[in-house]
Amino acid sequence: MVTCFLKYTIDPLKIKEFEHYGKMWIDLVNKMGGIHHGYLKPYEGPNNIGYASFSFQSLSEYEQYRDKIPDNKACQEALQYAIDTKL
């Protein structure tokens, strides 16, 4: 199993936009064969840092997921949402 751990710097003025973006990726990862574990925010420390983690059964499954992103309409919409909202 391979687990990815992402660190985000979140604009405190765009919490709602980030929540929407995150929910988009939870669904996408799960539909594309992974297991999204959700988003985490540290209890202490900076208030603009967040983390996400998701897993795939193998590195090759993760690589297949990554290869599908450029041609997947929903993934491209999520990425464009991040650009449009300047996340």
N, C-alpha and C. Protein backbone atom coordinates (compact mmCIF):
# COMPACT_ATOMS: atom_id res chain seq x y z
N MET A 1 0.84 -1.17 0.00
CA MET A 1 0.00 0.00 0.00
C MET A 1 0.89 1.24 0.00
N VAL A 2 0.45 2.25 -0.72
CA VAL A 2 1.15 3.52 -0.79
C VAL A 2 0.21 4.60 -0.27
N THR A 3 0.68 5.41 0.67
CA THR A 3 -0.12 6.51 1.21
C THR A 3 0.56 7.82 0.90
N CYS A 4 -0.20 8.73 0.31
CA CYS A 4 0.28 10.07 -0.01
C CYS A 4 -0.15 11.01 1.09
N PHE A 5 0.72 11.92 1.44
CA PHE A 5 0.46 12.88 2.50
C PHE A 5 0.77 14.26 1.94
N LEU A 6 -0.25 15.08 1.77
CA LEU A 6 -0.10 16.40 1.16
C LEU A 6 -0.21 17.49 2.21
N LYS A 7 0.60 18.52 2.07
CA LYS A 7 0.54 19.67 2.97
C LYS A 7 0.03 20.87 2.17
N TYR A 8 -0.95 21.55 2.72
CA TYR A 8 -1.52 22.73 2.08
C TYR A 8 -1.31 23.96 2.95
N THR A 9 -1.06 25.08 2.31
CA THR A 9 -1.13 26.37 2.97
C THR A 9 -2.43 26.99 2.52
N ILE A 10 -3.32 27.25 3.48
CA ILE A 10 -4.68 27.66 3.19
C ILE A 10 -4.85 29.14 3.49
N ASP A 11 -5.39 29.88 2.54
CA ASP A 11 -5.72 31.28 2.75
C ASP A 11 -6.90 31.33 3.72
N PRO A 12 -6.72 31.94 4.90
CA PRO A 12 -7.82 31.98 5.88
C PRO A 12 -9.09 32.65 5.35
N LEU A 13 -8.98 33.46 4.30
CA LEU A 13 -10.15 34.11 3.72
C LEU A 13 -10.85 33.22 2.70
N LYS A 14 -10.29 32.04 2.44
CA LYS A 14 -10.86 31.14 1.44
C LYS A 14 -11.13 29.75 1.99
N ILE A 15 -11.53 29.69 3.24
CA ILE A 15 -11.81 28.40 3.88
C ILE A 15 -12.93 27.66 3.16
N LYS A 16 -14.02 28.37 2.83
CA LYS A 16 -15.15 27.70 2.15
C LYS A 16 -14.73 27.16 0.79
N GLU A 17 -13.92 27.92 0.06
CA GLU A 17 -13.45 27.47 -1.25
C GLU A 17 -12.56 26.24 -1.10
N PHE A 18 -11.69 26.25 -0.08
CA PHE A 18 -10.82 25.11 0.13
C PHE A 18 -11.62 23.87 0.53
N GLU A 19 -12.64 24.05 1.36
CA GLU A 19 -13.49 22.92 1.75
C GLU A 19 -14.17 22.31 0.52
N HIS A 20 -14.67 23.15 -0.37
CA HIS A 20 -15.31 22.66 -1.59
C HIS A 20 -14.29 21.89 -2.45
N TYR A 21 -13.13 22.47 -2.62
CA TYR A 21 -12.05 21.84 -3.39
C TYR A 21 -11.68 20.47 -2.79
N GLY A 22 -11.54 20.44 -1.47
CA GLY A 22 -11.19 19.19 -0.80
C GLY A 22 -12.23 18.11 -1.00
N LYS A 23 -13.50 18.49 -0.90
CA LYS A 23 -14.58 17.51 -1.09
C LYS A 23 -14.57 16.97 -2.52
N MET A 24 -14.21 17.82 -3.47
CA MET A 24 -14.12 17.36 -4.86
C MET A 24 -13.09 16.23 -4.96
N TRP A 25 -11.93 16.42 -4.34
CA TRP A 25 -10.86 15.43 -4.45
C TRP A 25 -11.14 14.17 -3.64
N ILE A 26 -11.86 14.29 -2.53
CA ILE A 26 -12.23 13.08 -1.79
C ILE A 26 -13.02 12.15 -2.72
N ASP A 27 -14.02 12.70 -3.38
CA ASP A 27 -14.83 11.89 -4.31
C ASP A 27 -14.00 11.36 -5.47
N LEU A 28 -13.14 12.20 -6.02
CA LEU A 28 -12.35 11.78 -7.18
C LEU A 28 -11.39 10.64 -6.83
N VAL A 29 -10.66 10.79 -5.75
CA VAL A 29 -9.71 9.74 -5.36
C VAL A 29 -10.45 8.43 -5.12
N ASN A 30 -11.57 8.51 -4.41
CA ASN A 30 -12.33 7.28 -4.12
C ASN A 30 -12.89 6.65 -5.39
N LYS A 31 -13.37 7.46 -6.33
CA LYS A 31 -13.91 6.91 -7.59
C LYS A 31 -12.82 6.34 -8.48
N MET A 32 -11.60 6.82 -8.29
CA MET A 32 -10.51 6.38 -9.16
C MET A 32 -9.66 5.29 -8.51
N GLY A 33 -10.22 4.61 -7.51
CA GLY A 33 -9.57 3.43 -6.97
C GLY A 33 -8.77 3.61 -5.69
N GLY A 34 -8.71 4.83 -5.19
CA GLY A 34 -7.97 5.06 -3.96
C GLY A 34 -8.89 5.11 -2.75
N ILE A 35 -8.28 5.36 -1.62
CA ILE A 35 -9.02 5.56 -0.38
C ILE A 35 -8.57 6.90 0.18
N HIS A 36 -9.47 7.87 0.16
CA HIS A 36 -9.13 9.18 0.72
C HIS A 36 -9.42 9.15 2.21
N HIS A 37 -8.42 9.50 3.02
CA HIS A 37 -8.55 9.44 4.47
C HIS A 37 -9.07 10.75 5.06
N GLY A 38 -9.17 11.78 4.23
CA GLY A 38 -9.69 13.05 4.70
C GLY A 38 -8.61 14.10 4.87
N TYR A 39 -9.04 15.20 5.46
CA TYR A 39 -8.18 16.36 5.67
C TYR A 39 -7.98 16.57 7.16
N LEU A 40 -6.81 17.03 7.50
CA LEU A 40 -6.45 17.24 8.90
C LEU A 40 -5.93 18.66 9.09
N LYS A 41 -6.22 19.21 10.24
CA LYS A 41 -5.69 20.51 10.60
C LYS A 41 -5.06 20.36 11.97
N PRO A 42 -3.82 20.81 12.12
CA PRO A 42 -3.18 20.68 13.43
C PRO A 42 -3.96 21.42 14.52
N TYR A 43 -3.96 20.86 15.70
CA TYR A 43 -4.64 21.48 16.83
C TYR A 43 -3.91 22.74 17.27
N GLU A 44 -2.60 22.68 17.25
CA GLU A 44 -1.79 23.82 17.66
C GLU A 44 -0.89 24.24 16.50
N GLY A 45 -0.37 25.43 16.57
CA GLY A 45 0.53 25.93 15.54
C GLY A 45 -0.19 26.84 14.58
N PRO A 46 0.37 27.00 13.39
CA PRO A 46 -0.21 27.92 12.40
C PRO A 46 -1.65 27.54 12.05
N ASN A 47 -2.48 28.55 11.83
CA ASN A 47 -3.89 28.27 11.52
C ASN A 47 -4.16 28.21 10.03
N ASN A 48 -3.12 28.24 9.22
CA ASN A 48 -3.31 28.21 7.77
C ASN A 48 -2.70 26.97 7.12
N ILE A 49 -2.43 25.96 7.91
CA ILE A 49 -1.83 24.73 7.39
C ILE A 49 -2.85 23.60 7.50
N GLY A 50 -2.94 22.80 6.45
CA GLY A 50 -3.79 21.63 6.45
C GLY A 50 -3.10 20.48 5.76
N TYR A 51 -3.56 19.28 6.01
CA TYR A 51 -2.98 18.08 5.43
C TYR A 51 -4.08 17.20 4.86
N ALA A 52 -3.74 16.45 3.85
CA ALA A 52 -4.64 15.44 3.29
C ALA A 52 -3.84 14.16 3.15
N SER A 53 -4.53 13.04 3.28
CA SER A 53 -3.86 11.76 3.01
C SER A 53 -4.82 10.84 2.27
N PHE A 54 -4.24 10.07 1.37
CA PHE A 54 -5.01 9.09 0.61
C PHE A 54 -4.08 7.96 0.22
N SER A 55 -4.66 6.78 0.02
CA SER A 55 -3.86 5.59 -0.25
C SER A 55 -4.34 4.85 -1.49
N PHE A 56 -3.40 4.11 -2.07
CA PHE A 56 -3.68 3.17 -3.16
C PHE A 56 -3.03 1.86 -2.78
N GLN A 57 -3.56 0.77 -3.30
CA GLN A 57 -3.07 -0.56 -2.95
C GLN A 57 -1.61 -0.78 -3.35
N SER A 58 -1.15 -0.05 -4.37
CA SER A 58 0.23 -0.23 -4.81
C SER A 58 0.72 1.05 -5.48
N LEU A 59 2.02 1.13 -5.65
CA LEU A 59 2.59 2.28 -6.35
C LEU A 59 2.10 2.32 -7.78
N SER A 60 1.95 1.17 -8.42
CA SER A 60 1.49 1.17 -9.81
C SER A 60 0.04 1.68 -9.91
N GLU A 61 -0.81 1.36 -8.92
CA GLU A 61 -2.18 1.89 -8.93
C GLU A 61 -2.17 3.41 -8.74
N TYR A 62 -1.30 3.90 -7.89
CA TYR A 62 -1.17 5.34 -7.71
C TYR A 62 -0.70 6.00 -9.00
N GLU A 63 0.29 5.40 -9.66
CA GLU A 63 0.79 5.96 -10.91
C GLU A 63 -0.29 5.95 -11.99
N GLN A 64 -1.12 4.92 -12.03
CA GLN A 64 -2.24 4.88 -12.98
C GLN A 64 -3.23 6.01 -12.69
N TYR A 65 -3.51 6.24 -11.42
CA TYR A 65 -4.38 7.35 -11.02
C TYR A 65 -3.80 8.67 -11.53
N ARG A 66 -2.52 8.87 -11.29
CA ARG A 66 -1.86 10.12 -11.73
C ARG A 66 -1.92 10.27 -13.25
N ASP A 67 -1.75 9.17 -13.96
CA ASP A 67 -1.79 9.22 -15.43
C ASP A 67 -3.19 9.56 -15.95
N LYS A 68 -4.23 9.23 -15.20
CA LYS A 68 -5.61 9.49 -15.63
C LYS A 68 -6.03 10.94 -15.41
N ILE A 69 -5.40 11.65 -14.50
CA ILE A 69 -5.84 13.00 -14.14
C ILE A 69 -5.91 13.95 -15.34
N PRO A 70 -4.91 14.00 -16.23
CA PRO A 70 -4.99 14.95 -17.34
C PRO A 70 -6.18 14.74 -18.28
N ASP A 71 -6.67 13.51 -18.39
CA ASP A 71 -7.77 13.22 -19.31
C ASP A 71 -9.12 13.09 -18.61
N ASN A 72 -9.14 13.26 -17.30
CA ASN A 72 -10.38 13.11 -16.54
C ASN A 72 -11.05 14.47 -16.38
N LYS A 73 -12.25 14.61 -16.93
CA LYS A 73 -12.95 15.89 -16.93
C LYS A 73 -13.15 16.42 -15.50
N ALA A 74 -13.57 15.57 -14.59
CA ALA A 74 -13.84 16.01 -13.22
C ALA A 74 -12.55 16.47 -12.51
N CYS A 75 -11.46 15.78 -12.78
CA CYS A 75 -10.17 16.21 -12.20
C CYS A 75 -9.76 17.57 -12.74
N GLN A 76 -9.93 17.74 -14.02
CA GLN A 76 -9.58 19.03 -14.63
C GLN A 76 -10.47 20.15 -14.11
N GLU A 77 -11.74 19.85 -13.84
CA GLU A 77 -12.63 20.85 -13.26
C GLU A 77 -12.18 21.23 -11.86
N ALA A 78 -11.73 20.25 -11.08
CA ALA A 78 -11.24 20.54 -9.73
C ALA A 78 -9.98 21.40 -9.78
N LEU A 79 -9.08 21.06 -10.69
CA LEU A 79 -7.86 21.85 -10.82
C LEU A 79 -8.16 23.27 -11.31
N GLN A 80 -9.11 23.39 -12.23
CA GLN A 80 -9.50 24.72 -12.71
C GLN A 80 -10.18 25.52 -11.61
N TYR A 81 -10.95 24.87 -10.77
CA TYR A 81 -11.58 25.54 -9.63
C TYR A 81 -10.50 26.16 -8.73
N ALA A 82 -9.44 25.43 -8.48
CA ALA A 82 -8.34 25.94 -7.65
C ALA A 82 -7.69 27.16 -8.31
N ILE A 83 -7.55 27.12 -9.62
CA ILE A 83 -6.98 28.28 -10.34
C ILE A 83 -7.94 29.45 -10.29
N ASP A 84 -9.21 29.20 -10.58
CA ASP A 84 -10.20 30.28 -10.63
C ASP A 84 -10.39 30.97 -9.28
N THR A 85 -10.30 30.20 -8.19
CA THR A 85 -10.49 30.77 -6.86
C THR A 85 -9.17 31.17 -6.21
N LYS A 86 -8.10 30.98 -6.95
CA LYS A 86 -6.74 31.32 -6.48
C LYS A 86 -6.41 30.67 -5.14
N LEU A 87 -6.74 29.36 -5.09
CA LEU A 87 -6.37 28.60 -3.90
C LEU A 87 -4.90 28.38 -3.95
